[in-house]
Amino acid sequence: MNLWKTMLLCLLFAVPLACGDDDDNNQDVTPDTGADADADADADGDVEDVPADTPADTPADTPTDTPADTAGCPPDDATHIYINVSGTVQPIGEADVSGLFLAAVAPLEALTGTATPLATTTVRADGTFLFECLNVKDVQMGLVVLSDDSTPDGVAGTFFPTLSGVGAWSSDAEKVDLENRFVFGLPNVVVDALEGLTGITPDTDGMVMGLVLDEADAPLAGATVGRAGPGAPIAVAYPTPDLSGLVTPPATSASGMWLLTAPLGGLTNITATLAGHTFPTYPAATPRGYCFFVPFRAE
């Protein structure tokens, strides 16, 4: 069994990051295009930090799915750049993800609660997925995929709406097929357990969670997560691998898991810290009723 799957079984759950509305009650995300992703990142102007990259580094296991050649898509032109996006949906714990609803959404819109789907698809019986000929010409920063029950039902049902970053770009030239990507499926039983452990209220505040991983995607113990740059500290908890308690002093356990325990006041850059390792910086926010998973993978 590979390290990633072993880690998930050890956790009993793996968890995604960034959901809920901010302190000024912005509306919750209903996965819009990214044409003006840099404009109005927060409806009330309370963006705390300049957004960095969208989470793009996910576990390095290789899903069996291979995307169709974009040569089969219509030709690119002034208003279209077509890509295929493929990969595997990782359940958080023991859960069947086949048939789950997936929607490709623009990152900033997802994080600030104003997004609608660019495209939708369904998870296959083997846990793989494929978005074919997705037009990303007007999508800024990268791409996020939303997972939910087969009939999307918000916070109800078996799975909690979860946002996973699958790619990042800063120019049209970087908009190419995204293969072997990981999207996370978060069962509501896991959310309930974490709510009881930490007092979070994801239905109304959203939730932000993730893992700290080494270069080989093994979980790292002893890491901390916090704001990247100046500003007030953010509240972070570090569950034990079996979710029976919280680690003291605060740092990741052998599971590498972390969880924000209070909603963010706006779009906020966060990063992980551990001696001997460097990690990327990612933007996070808490649109109501969503979870956004960010894996911090050592560079």
Foldseek 3Di string as FASTA:
>chain_A
DDQVVVLLQLLLFFDFAFAAAFPVPFAFAAAAAQLPLVPCLAVVPPAPDDFDAAFADDAPDFDPDDADPLVPPPDDDPQFDWAKEKAFEAETHDDQQFLWKKFKHAPSCNNRGNRHGQDIDTQHRVRMDMDGGRTRRSRAFAIKMWTAHNPRDFCDDFWFTEIEGHTGDHDPVPPYYGHHGYHYTYTVVVVVLVCVAQVADQQHFNWGKEFEAEQNRQGDWFKDKFFDDDDDTFAKWEADSHSPHTDPPGIHDSSRMMIGRGFHNHWTWMWMDDPPFGWDIGTHGHHGRYGGYHYTYTD
